[in-house]
Amino acid sequence: LPVNFGVNNIILKLIIICIVAIVSYY
């Protein structure tokens, strides 16, 4: 997929995904 959030580390990607999900939910 041509989507890049600027992070190559999988753990940082998961942390960013969790933060985005929490902010979006609230």
mmCIF file of all heavy atoms, coordinates in Angstrom:
data_MODEL
# 
_entry.id   MODEL 
# 
loop_
_atom_site.group_PDB 
_atom_site.id 
_atom_site.type_symbol 
_atom_site.label_atom_id 
_atom_site.label_alt_id 
_atom_site.label_comp_id 
_atom_site.label_asym_id 
_atom_site.label_entity_id 
_atom_site.label_seq_id 
_atom_site.pdbx_PDB_ins_code 
_atom_site.Cartn_x 
_atom_site.Cartn_y 
_atom_site.Cartn_z 
_atom_site.occupancy 
_atom_site.B_iso_or_equiv 
_atom_site.pdbx_formal_charge 
_atom_site.auth_seq_id 
_atom_site.auth_comp_id 
_atom_site.auth_asym_id 
_atom_site.auth_atom_id 
_atom_site.pdbx_PDB_model_num 
ATOM 1   N N   . LEU A 1 1  ? 0.847   -1.207 0.000  1.00 0.00 ? 1  LEU A N   1 
ATOM 2   C CA  . LEU A 1 1  ? 0.000   0.000  0.000  1.00 0.00 ? 1  LEU A CA  1 
ATOM 3   C C   . LEU A 1 1  ? 0.876   1.248  0.000  1.00 0.00 ? 1  LEU A C   1 
ATOM 4   O O   . LEU A 1 1  ? 1.873   1.321  0.724  1.00 0.00 ? 1  LEU A O   1 
ATOM 5   C CB  . LEU A 1 1  ? -0.893  0.025  1.235  1.00 0.00 ? 1  LEU A CB  1 
ATOM 6   C CG  . LEU A 1 1  ? -2.130  -0.844 1.218  1.00 0.00 ? 1  LEU A CG  1 
ATOM 7   C CD1 . LEU A 1 1  ? -2.845  -0.730 2.555  1.00 0.00 ? 1  LEU A CD1 1 
ATOM 8   C CD2 . LEU A 1 1  ? -3.066  -0.457 0.111  1.00 0.00 ? 1  LEU A CD2 1 
ATOM 9   N N   . PRO A 1 2  ? 0.519   2.249  -0.795 1.00 0.00 ? 2  PRO A N   1 
ATOM 10  C CA  . PRO A 1 2  ? 1.338   3.472  -0.836 1.00 0.00 ? 2  PRO A CA  1 
ATOM 11  C C   . PRO A 1 2  ? 1.000   4.439  0.300  1.00 0.00 ? 2  PRO A C   1 
ATOM 12  O O   . PRO A 1 2  ? 0.719   5.613  0.089  1.00 0.00 ? 2  PRO A O   1 
ATOM 13  C CB  . PRO A 1 2  ? 0.981   4.065  -2.192 1.00 0.00 ? 2  PRO A CB  1 
ATOM 14  C CG  . PRO A 1 2  ? -0.408  3.612  -2.428 1.00 0.00 ? 2  PRO A CG  1 
ATOM 15  C CD  . PRO A 1 2  ? -0.515  2.252  -1.818 1.00 0.00 ? 2  PRO A CD  1 
ATOM 16  N N   . VAL A 1 3  ? 0.975   3.934  1.521  1.00 0.00 ? 3  VAL A N   1 
ATOM 17  C CA  . VAL A 1 3  ? 0.665   4.739  2.701  1.00 0.00 ? 3  VAL A CA  1 
ATOM 18  C C   . VAL A 1 3  ? 1.886   4.715  3.593  1.00 0.00 ? 3  VAL A C   1 
ATOM 19  O O   . VAL A 1 3  ? 2.404   3.655  3.917  1.00 0.00 ? 3  VAL A O   1 
ATOM 20  C CB  . VAL A 1 3  ? -0.559  4.169  3.460  1.00 0.00 ? 3  VAL A CB  1 
ATOM 21  C CG1 . VAL A 1 3  ? -0.832  4.989  4.701  1.00 0.00 ? 3  VAL A CG1 1 
ATOM 22  C CG2 . VAL A 1 3  ? -1.775  4.131  2.565  1.00 0.00 ? 3  VAL A CG2 1 
ATOM 23  N N   . ASN A 1 4  ? 2.347   5.892  4.008  1.00 0.00 ? 4  ASN A N   1 
ATOM 24  C CA  . ASN A 1 4  ? 3.520   5.963  4.857  1.00 0.00 ? 4  ASN A CA  1 
ATOM 25  C C   . ASN A 1 4  ? 3.275   6.983  5.955  1.00 0.00 ? 4  ASN A C   1 
ATOM 26  O O   . ASN A 1 4  ? 2.932   8.132  5.692  1.00 0.00 ? 4  ASN A O   1 
ATOM 27  C CB  . ASN A 1 4  ? 4.753   6.352  4.046  1.00 0.00 ? 4  ASN A CB  1 
ATOM 28  C CG  . ASN A 1 4  ? 6.012   6.219  4.856  1.00 0.00 ? 4  ASN A CG  1 
ATOM 29  O OD1 . ASN A 1 4  ? 6.008   5.678  5.958  1.00 0.00 ? 4  ASN A OD1 1 
ATOM 30  N ND2 . ASN A 1 4  ? 7.107   6.714  4.303  1.00 0.00 ? 4  ASN A ND2 1 
ATOM 31  N N   . PHE A 1 5  ? 3.435   6.559  7.188  1.00 0.00 ? 5  PHE A N   1 
ATOM 32  C CA  . PHE A 1 5  ? 3.285   7.462  8.325  1.00 0.00 ? 5  PHE A CA  1 
ATOM 33  C C   . PHE A 1 5  ? 4.627   7.874  8.897  1.00 0.00 ? 5  PHE A C   1 
ATOM 34  O O   . PHE A 1 5  ? 4.703   8.448  9.969  1.00 0.00 ? 5  PHE A O   1 
ATOM 35  C CB  . PHE A 1 5  ? 2.410   6.820  9.405  1.00 0.00 ? 5  PHE A CB  1 
ATOM 36  C CG  . PHE A 1 5  ? 0.969   6.721  9.007  1.00 0.00 ? 5  PHE A CG  1 
ATOM 37  C CD1 . PHE A 1 5  ? 0.444   5.523  8.567  1.00 0.00 ? 5  PHE A CD1 1 
ATOM 38  C CD2 . PHE A 1 5  ? 0.165   7.828  9.048  1.00 0.00 ? 5  PHE A CD2 1 
ATOM 39  C CE1 . PHE A 1 5  ? -0.881  5.428  8.201  1.00 0.00 ? 5  PHE A CE1 1 
ATOM 40  C CE2 . PHE A 1 5  ? -1.165  7.750  8.669  1.00 0.00 ? 5  PHE A CE2 1 
ATOM 41  C CZ  . PHE A 1 5  ? -1.685  6.548  8.244  1.00 0.00 ? 5  PHE A CZ  1 
ATOM 42  N N   . GLY A 1 6  ? 5.701   7.534  8.215  1.00 0.00 ? 6  GLY A N   1 
ATOM 43  C CA  . GLY A 1 6  ? 7.020   7.998  8.597  1.00 0.00 ? 6  GLY A CA  1 
ATOM 44  C C   . GLY A 1 6  ? 7.721   7.157  9.638  1.00 0.00 ? 6  GLY A C   1 
ATOM 45  O O   . GLY A 1 6  ? 8.755   7.545  10.142 1.00 0.00 ? 6  GLY A O   1 
ATOM 46  N N   . VAL A 1 7  ? 7.180   6.003  9.970  1.00 0.00 ? 7  VAL A N   1 
ATOM 47  C CA  . VAL A 1 7  ? 7.781   5.153  10.986 1.00 0.00 ? 7  VAL A CA  1 
ATOM 48  C C   . VAL A 1 7  ? 8.025   3.780  10.377 1.00 0.00 ? 7  VAL A C   1 
ATOM 49  O O   . VAL A 1 7  ? 7.146   3.204  9.759  1.00 0.00 ? 7  VAL A O   1 
ATOM 50  C CB  . VAL A 1 7  ? 6.841   5.029  12.213 1.00 0.00 ? 7  VAL A CB  1 
ATOM 51  C CG1 . VAL A 1 7  ? 7.454   4.118  13.247 1.00 0.00 ? 7  VAL A CG1 1 
ATOM 52  C CG2 . VAL A 1 7  ? 6.543   6.388  12.806 1.00 0.00 ? 7  VAL A CG2 1 
ATOM 53  N N   . ASN A 1 8  ? 9.230   3.236  10.547 1.00 0.00 ? 8  ASN A N   1 
ATOM 54  C CA  . ASN A 1 8  ? 9.550   1.917  10.014 1.00 0.00 ? 8  ASN A CA  1 
ATOM 55  C C   . ASN A 1 8  ? 9.557   0.829  11.080 1.00 0.00 ? 8  ASN A C   1 
ATOM 56  O O   . ASN A 1 8  ? 9.544   -0.340 10.771 1.00 0.00 ? 8  ASN A O   1 
ATOM 57  C CB  . ASN A 1 8  ? 10.917  1.943  9.317  1.00 0.00 ? 8  ASN A CB  1 
ATOM 58  C CG  . ASN A 1 8  ? 10.851  2.759  8.045  1.00 0.00 ? 8  ASN A CG  1 
ATOM 59  O OD1 . ASN A 1 8  ? 9.815   2.824  7.402  1.00 0.00 ? 8  ASN A OD1 1 
ATOM 60  N ND2 . ASN A 1 8  ? 11.963  3.389  7.707  1.00 0.00 ? 8  ASN A ND2 1 
ATOM 61  N N   . ASN A 1 9  ? 9.567   1.203  12.339 1.00 0.00 ? 9  ASN A N   1 
ATOM 62  C CA  . ASN A 1 9  ? 9.587   0.248  13.434 1.00 0.00 ? 9  ASN A CA  1 
ATOM 63  C C   . ASN A 1 9  ? 8.163   -0.236 13.695 1.00 0.00 ? 9  ASN A C   1 
ATOM 64  O O   . ASN A 1 9  ? 7.237   0.560  13.836 1.00 0.00 ? 9  ASN A O   1 
ATOM 65  C CB  . ASN A 1 9  ? 10.164  0.909  14.678 1.00 0.00 ? 9  ASN A CB  1 
ATOM 66  C CG  . ASN A 1 9  ? 10.431  -0.068 15.787 1.00 0.00 ? 9  ASN A CG  1 
ATOM 67  O OD1 . ASN A 1 9  ? 10.053  -1.239 15.707 1.00 0.00 ? 9  ASN A OD1 1 
ATOM 68  N ND2 . ASN A 1 9  ? 11.073  0.418  16.832 1.00 0.00 ? 9  ASN A ND2 1 
ATOM 69  N N   . ILE A 1 10 ? 7.957   -1.541 13.778 1.00 0.00 ? 10 ILE A N   1 
ATOM 70  C CA  . ILE A 1 10 ? 6.622   -2.114 13.947 1.00 0.00 ? 10 ILE A CA  1 
ATOM 71  C C   . ILE A 1 10 ? 6.006   -1.753 15.303 1.00 0.00 ? 10 ILE A C   1 
ATOM 72  O O   . ILE A 1 10 ? 4.795   -1.522 15.399 1.00 0.00 ? 10 ILE A O   1 
ATOM 73  C CB  . ILE A 1 10 ? 6.634   -3.652 13.726 1.00 0.00 ? 10 ILE A CB  1 
ATOM 74  C CG1 . ILE A 1 10 ? 5.218   -4.215 13.658 1.00 0.00 ? 10 ILE A CG1 1 
ATOM 75  C CG2 . ILE A 1 10 ? 7.403   -4.346 14.809 1.00 0.00 ? 10 ILE A CG2 1 
ATOM 76  C CD1 . ILE A 1 10 ? 4.499   -3.863 12.418 1.00 0.00 ? 10 ILE A CD1 1 
ATOM 77  N N   . ILE A 1 11 ? 6.828   -1.657 16.340 1.00 0.00 ? 11 ILE A N   1 
ATOM 78  C CA  . ILE A 1 11 ? 6.298   -1.311 17.662 1.00 0.00 ? 11 ILE A CA  1 
ATOM 79  C C   . ILE A 1 11 ? 5.814   0.135  17.678 1.00 0.00 ? 11 ILE A C   1 
ATOM 80  O O   . ILE A 1 11 ? 4.748   0.433  18.224 1.00 0.00 ? 11 ILE A O   1 
ATOM 81  C CB  . ILE A 1 11 ? 7.357   -1.581 18.751 1.00 0.00 ? 11 ILE A CB  1 
ATOM 82  C CG1 . ILE A 1 11 ? 7.626   -3.078 18.795 1.00 0.00 ? 11 ILE A CG1 1 
ATOM 83  C CG2 . ILE A 1 11 ? 6.906   -1.056 20.096 1.00 0.00 ? 11 ILE A CG2 1 
ATOM 84  C CD1 . ILE A 1 11 ? 8.649   -3.518 19.770 1.00 0.00 ? 11 ILE A CD1 1 
ATOM 85  N N   . LEU A 1 12 ? 6.580   1.034  17.065 1.00 0.00 ? 12 LEU A N   1 
ATOM 86  C CA  . LEU A 1 12 ? 6.128   2.424  16.975 1.00 0.00 ? 12 LEU A CA  1 
ATOM 87  C C   . LEU A 1 12 ? 4.871   2.544  16.124 1.00 0.00 ? 12 LEU A C   1 
ATOM 88  O O   . LEU A 1 12 ? 3.986   3.346  16.426 1.00 0.00 ? 12 LEU A O   1 
ATOM 89  C CB  . LEU A 1 12 ? 7.243   3.297  16.413 1.00 0.00 ? 12 LEU A CB  1 
ATOM 90  C CG  . LEU A 1 12 ? 8.416   3.571  17.353 1.00 0.00 ? 12 LEU A CG  1 
ATOM 91  C CD1 . LEU A 1 12 ? 9.479   4.386  16.644 1.00 0.00 ? 12 LEU A CD1 1 
ATOM 92  C CD2 . LEU A 1 12 ? 7.944   4.284  18.587 1.00 0.00 ? 12 LEU A CD2 1 
ATOM 93  N N   . LYS A 1 13 ? 4.770   1.742  15.073 1.00 0.00 ? 13 LYS A N   1 
ATOM 94  C CA  . LYS A 1 13 ? 3.552   1.742  14.263 1.00 0.00 ? 13 LYS A CA  1 
ATOM 95  C C   . LYS A 1 13 ? 2.346   1.324  15.096 1.00 0.00 ? 13 LYS A C   1 
ATOM 96  O O   . LYS A 1 13 ? 1.287   1.939  15.017 1.00 0.00 ? 13 LYS A O   1 
ATOM 97  C CB  . LYS A 1 13 ? 3.689   0.802  13.068 1.00 0.00 ? 13 LYS A CB  1 
ATOM 98  C CG  . LYS A 1 13 ? 4.494   1.331  11.932 1.00 0.00 ? 13 LYS A CG  1 
ATOM 99  C CD  . LYS A 1 13 ? 4.511   0.333  10.783 1.00 0.00 ? 13 LYS A CD  1 
ATOM 100 C CE  . LYS A 1 13 ? 5.386   0.824  9.663  1.00 0.00 ? 13 LYS A CE  1 
ATOM 101 N NZ  . LYS A 1 13 ? 5.447   -0.125 8.545  1.00 0.00 ? 13 LYS A NZ  1 
ATOM 102 N N   . LEU A 1 14 ? 2.517   0.287  15.903 1.00 0.00 ? 14 LEU A N   1 
ATOM 103 C CA  . LEU A 1 14 ? 1.410   -0.167 16.741 1.00 0.00 ? 14 LEU A CA  1 
ATOM 104 C C   . LEU A 1 14 ? 1.025   0.864  17.795 1.00 0.00 ? 14 LEU A C   1 
ATOM 105 O O   . LEU A 1 14 ? -0.157  1.044  18.094 1.00 0.00 ? 14 LEU A O   1 
ATOM 106 C CB  . LEU A 1 14 ? 1.775   -1.506 17.401 1.00 0.00 ? 14 LEU A CB  1 
ATOM 107 C CG  . LEU A 1 14 ? 1.863   -2.701 16.466 1.00 0.00 ? 14 LEU A CG  1 
ATOM 108 C CD1 . LEU A 1 14 ? 2.348   -3.928 17.217 1.00 0.00 ? 14 LEU A CD1 1 
ATOM 109 C CD2 . LEU A 1 14 ? 0.533   -2.965 15.802 1.00 0.00 ? 14 LEU A CD2 1 
ATOM 110 N N   . ILE A 1 15 ? 2.016   1.548  18.351 1.00 0.00 ? 15 ILE A N   1 
ATOM 111 C CA  . ILE A 1 15 ? 1.724   2.599  19.336 1.00 0.00 ? 15 ILE A CA  1 
ATOM 112 C C   . ILE A 1 15 ? 0.956   3.740  18.671 1.00 0.00 ? 15 ILE A C   1 
ATOM 113 O O   . ILE A 1 15 ? -0.032  4.243  19.227 1.00 0.00 ? 15 ILE A O   1 
ATOM 114 C CB  . ILE A 1 15 ? 3.021   3.093  20.000 1.00 0.00 ? 15 ILE A CB  1 
ATOM 115 C CG1 . ILE A 1 15 ? 3.592   2.002  20.899 1.00 0.00 ? 15 ILE A CG1 1 
ATOM 116 C CG2 . ILE A 1 15 ? 2.782   4.367  20.794 1.00 0.00 ? 15 ILE A CG2 1 
ATOM 117 C CD1 . ILE A 1 15 ? 4.960   2.317  21.457 1.00 0.00 ? 15 ILE A CD1 1 
ATOM 118 N N   . ILE A 1 16 ? 1.387   4.145  17.484 1.00 0.00 ? 16 ILE A N   1 
ATOM 119 C CA  . ILE A 1 16 ? 0.690   5.208  16.758 1.00 0.00 ? 16 ILE A CA  1 
ATOM 120 C C   . ILE A 1 16 ? -0.723  4.776  16.394 1.00 0.00 ? 16 ILE A C   1 
ATOM 121 O O   . ILE A 1 16 ? -1.678  5.555  16.523 1.00 0.00 ? 16 ILE A O   1 
ATOM 122 C CB  . ILE A 1 16 ? 1.498   5.631  15.515 1.00 0.00 ? 16 ILE A CB  1 
ATOM 123 C CG1 . ILE A 1 16 ? 2.759   6.362  15.932 1.00 0.00 ? 16 ILE A CG1 1 
ATOM 124 C CG2 . ILE A 1 16 ? 0.659   6.511  14.592 1.00 0.00 ? 16 ILE A CG2 1 
ATOM 125 C CD1 . ILE A 1 16 ? 3.706   6.667  14.806 1.00 0.00 ? 16 ILE A CD1 1 
ATOM 126 N N   . ILE A 1 17 ? -0.886  3.526  15.978 1.00 0.00 ? 17 ILE A N   1 
ATOM 127 C CA  . ILE A 1 17 ? -2.217  3.016  15.647 1.00 0.00 ? 17 ILE A CA  1 
ATOM 128 C C   . ILE A 1 17 ? -3.123  3.047  16.873 1.00 0.00 ? 17 ILE A C   1 
ATOM 129 O O   . ILE A 1 17 ? -4.288  3.452  16.797 1.00 0.00 ? 17 ILE A O   1 
ATOM 130 C CB  . ILE A 1 17 ? -2.120  1.589  15.059 1.00 0.00 ? 17 ILE A CB  1 
ATOM 131 C CG1 . ILE A 1 17 ? -1.499  1.643  13.669 1.00 0.00 ? 17 ILE A CG1 1 
ATOM 132 C CG2 . ILE A 1 17 ? -3.480  0.924  14.998 1.00 0.00 ? 17 ILE A CG2 1 
ATOM 133 C CD1 . ILE A 1 17 ? -1.171  0.285  13.102 1.00 0.00 ? 17 ILE A CD1 1 
ATOM 134 N N   . CYS A 1 18 ? -2.591  2.647  18.020 1.00 0.00 ? 18 CYS A N   1 
ATOM 135 C CA  . CYS A 1 18 ? -3.386  2.659  19.253 1.00 0.00 ? 18 CYS A CA  1 
ATOM 136 C C   . CYS A 1 18 ? -3.774  4.076  19.661 1.00 0.00 ? 18 CYS A C   1 
ATOM 137 O O   . CYS A 1 18 ? -4.920  4.330  20.046 1.00 0.00 ? 18 CYS A O   1 
ATOM 138 C CB  . CYS A 1 18 ? -2.623  1.978  20.383 1.00 0.00 ? 18 CYS A CB  1 
ATOM 139 S SG  . CYS A 1 18 ? -2.471  0.208  20.174 1.00 0.00 ? 18 CYS A SG  1 
ATOM 140 N N   . ILE A 1 19 ? -2.830  5.003  19.558 1.00 0.00 ? 19 ILE A N   1 
ATOM 141 C CA  . ILE A 1 19 ? -3.129  6.395  19.916 1.00 0.00 ? 19 ILE A CA  1 
ATOM 142 C C   . ILE A 1 19 ? -4.178  6.981  18.980 1.00 0.00 ? 19 ILE A C   1 
ATOM 143 O O   . ILE A 1 19 ? -5.130  7.636  19.427 1.00 0.00 ? 19 ILE A O   1 
ATOM 144 C CB  . ILE A 1 19 ? -1.828  7.232  19.914 1.00 0.00 ? 19 ILE A CB  1 
ATOM 145 C CG1 . ILE A 1 19 ? -0.939  6.820  21.084 1.00 0.00 ? 19 ILE A CG1 1 
ATOM 146 C CG2 . ILE A 1 19 ? -2.146  8.719  19.983 1.00 0.00 ? 19 ILE A CG2 1 
ATOM 147 C CD1 . ILE A 1 19 ? 0.436   7.442  21.058 1.00 0.00 ? 19 ILE A CD1 1 
ATOM 148 N N   . VAL A 1 20 ? -4.036  6.740  17.691 1.00 0.00 ? 20 VAL A N   1 
ATOM 149 C CA  . VAL A 1 20 ? -5.010  7.249  16.718 1.00 0.00 ? 20 VAL A CA  1 
ATOM 150 C C   . VAL A 1 20 ? -6.384  6.642  16.968 1.00 0.00 ? 20 VAL A C   1 
ATOM 151 O O   . VAL A 1 20 ? -7.403  7.330  16.921 1.00 0.00 ? 20 VAL A O   1 
ATOM 152 C CB  . VAL A 1 20 ? -4.525  6.984  15.275 1.00 0.00 ? 20 VAL A CB  1 
ATOM 153 C CG1 . VAL A 1 20 ? -5.635  7.182  14.270 1.00 0.00 ? 20 VAL A CG1 1 
ATOM 154 C CG2 . VAL A 1 20 ? -3.350  7.873  14.944 1.00 0.00 ? 20 VAL A CG2 1 
ATOM 155 N N   . ALA A 1 21 ? -6.430  5.355  17.280 1.00 0.00 ? 21 ALA A N   1 
ATOM 156 C CA  . ALA A 1 21 ? -7.711  4.697  17.539 1.00 0.00 ? 21 ALA A CA  1 
ATOM 157 C C   . ALA A 1 21 ? -8.376  5.262  18.796 1.00 0.00 ? 21 ALA A C   1 
ATOM 158 O O   . ALA A 1 21 ? -9.587  5.510  18.802 1.00 0.00 ? 21 ALA A O   1 
ATOM 159 C CB  . ALA A 1 21 ? -7.501  3.195  17.677 1.00 0.00 ? 21 ALA A CB  1 
ATOM 160 N N   . ILE A 1 22 ? -7.602  5.477  19.839 1.00 0.00 ? 22 ILE A N   1 
ATOM 161 C CA  . ILE A 1 22 ? -8.161  6.005  21.088 1.00 0.00 ? 22 ILE A CA  1 
ATOM 162 C C   . ILE A 1 22 ? -8.672  7.420  20.898 1.00 0.00 ? 22 ILE A C   1 
ATOM 163 O O   . ILE A 1 22 ? -9.785  7.760  21.328 1.00 0.00 ? 22 ILE A O   1 
ATOM 164 C CB  . ILE A 1 22 ? -7.112  5.927  22.219 1.00 0.00 ? 22 ILE A CB  1 
ATOM 165 C CG1 . ILE A 1 22 ? -6.863  4.472  22.589 1.00 0.00 ? 22 ILE A CG1 1 
ATOM 166 C CG2 . ILE A 1 22 ? -7.537  6.725  23.434 1.00 0.00 ? 22 ILE A CG2 1 
ATOM 167 C CD1 . ILE A 1 22 ? -5.668  4.268  23.488 1.00 0.00 ? 22 ILE A CD1 1 
ATOM 168 N N   . VAL A 1 23 ? -7.893  8.260  20.238 1.00 0.00 ? 23 VAL A N   1 
ATOM 169 C CA  . VAL A 1 23 ? -8.315  9.639  19.997 1.00 0.00 ? 23 VAL A CA  1 
ATOM 170 C C   . VAL A 1 23 ? -9.559  9.677  19.113 1.00 0.00 ? 23 VAL A C   1 
ATOM 171 O O   . VAL A 1 23 ? -10.507 10.434 19.376 1.00 0.00 ? 23 VAL A O   1 
ATOM 172 C CB  . VAL A 1 23 ? -7.161  10.465 19.380 1.00 0.00 ? 23 VAL A CB  1 
ATOM 173 C CG1 . VAL A 1 23 ? -7.649  11.813 18.899 1.00 0.00 ? 23 VAL A CG1 1 
ATOM 174 C CG2 . VAL A 1 23 ? -6.042  10.631 20.382 1.00 0.00 ? 23 VAL A CG2 1 
ATOM 175 N N   . SER A 1 24 ? -9.588  8.853  18.096 1.00 0.00 ? 24 SER A N   1 
ATOM 176 C CA  . SER A 1 24 ? -10.751 8.804  17.206 1.00 0.00 ? 24 SER A CA  1 
ATOM 177 C C   . SER A 1 24 ? -11.990 8.329  17.955 1.00 0.00 ? 24 SER A C   1 
ATOM 178 O O   . SER A 1 24 ? -13.084 8.866  17.759 1.00 0.00 ? 24 SER A O   1 
ATOM 179 C CB  . SER A 1 24 ? -10.460 7.885  16.025 1.00 0.00 ? 24 SER A CB  1 
ATOM 180 O OG  . SER A 1 24 ? -11.592 7.763  15.208 1.00 0.00 ? 24 SER A OG  1 
ATOM 181 N N   . TYR A 1 25 ? -11.837 7.345  18.823 1.00 0.00 ? 25 TYR A N   1 
ATOM 182 C CA  . TYR A 1 25 ? -12.966 6.815  19.583 1.00 0.00 ? 25 TYR A CA  1 
ATOM 183 C C   . TYR A 1 25 ? -13.546 7.874  20.515 1.00 0.00 ? 25 TYR A C   1 
ATOM 184 O O   . TYR A 1 25 ? -14.764 8.088  20.557 1.00 0.00 ? 25 TYR A O   1 
ATOM 185 C CB  . TYR A 1 25 ? -12.525 5.584  20.372 1.00 0.00 ? 25 TYR A CB  1 
ATOM 186 C CG  . TYR A 1 25 ? -13.577 5.050  21.297 1.00 0.00 ? 25 TYR A CG  1 
ATOM 187 C CD1 . TYR A 1 25 ? -14.686 4.383  20.799 1.00 0.00 ? 25 TYR A CD1 1 
ATOM 188 C CD2 . TYR A 1 25 ? -13.467 5.217  22.673 1.00 0.00 ? 25 TYR A CD2 1 
ATOM 189 C CE1 . TYR A 1 25 ? -15.656 3.894  21.642 1.00 0.00 ? 25 TYR A CE1 1 
ATOM 190 C CE2 . TYR A 1 25 ? -14.431 4.726  23.521 1.00 0.00 ? 25 TYR A CE2 1 
ATOM 191 C CZ  . TYR A 1 25 ? -15.533 4.064  23.011 1.00 0.00 ? 25 TYR A CZ  1 
ATOM 192 O OH  . TYR A 1 25 ? -16.489 3.598  23.863 1.00 0.00 ? 25 TYR A OH  1 
ATOM 193 N N   . TYR A 1 26 ? -12.684 8.543  21.274 1.00 0.00 ? 26 TYR A N   1 
ATOM 194 C CA  . TYR A 1 26 ? -13.189 9.540  22.221 1.00 0.00 ? 26 TYR A CA  1 
ATOM 195 C C   . TYR A 1 26 ? -13.743 10.765 21.513 1.00 0.00 ? 26 TYR A C   1 
ATOM 196 O O   . TYR A 1 26 ? -14.715 11.363 21.979 1.00 0.00 ? 26 TYR A O   1 
ATOM 197 C CB  . TYR A 1 26 ? -12.110 9.920  23.235 1.00 0.00 ? 26 TYR A CB  1 
ATOM 198 C CG  . TYR A 1 26 ? -11.960 8.867  24.307 1.00 0.00 ? 26 TYR A CG  1 
ATOM 199 C CD1 . TYR A 1 26 ? -10.793 8.142  24.438 1.00 0.00 ? 26 TYR A CD1 1 
ATOM 200 C CD2 . TYR A 1 26 ? -13.003 8.588  25.171 1.00 0.00 ? 26 TYR A CD2 1 
ATOM 201 C CE1 . TYR A 1 26 ? -10.660 7.175  25.401 1.00 0.00 ? 26 TYR A CE1 1 
ATOM 202 C CE2 . TYR A 1 26 ? -12.887 7.625  26.148 1.00 0.00 ? 26 TYR A CE2 1 
ATOM 203 C CZ  . TYR A 1 26 ? -11.723 6.912  26.258 1.00 0.00 ? 26 TYR A CZ  1 
ATOM 204 O OH  . TYR A 1 26 ? -11.604 5.945  27.211 1.00 0.00 ? 26 TYR A OH  1 
# 
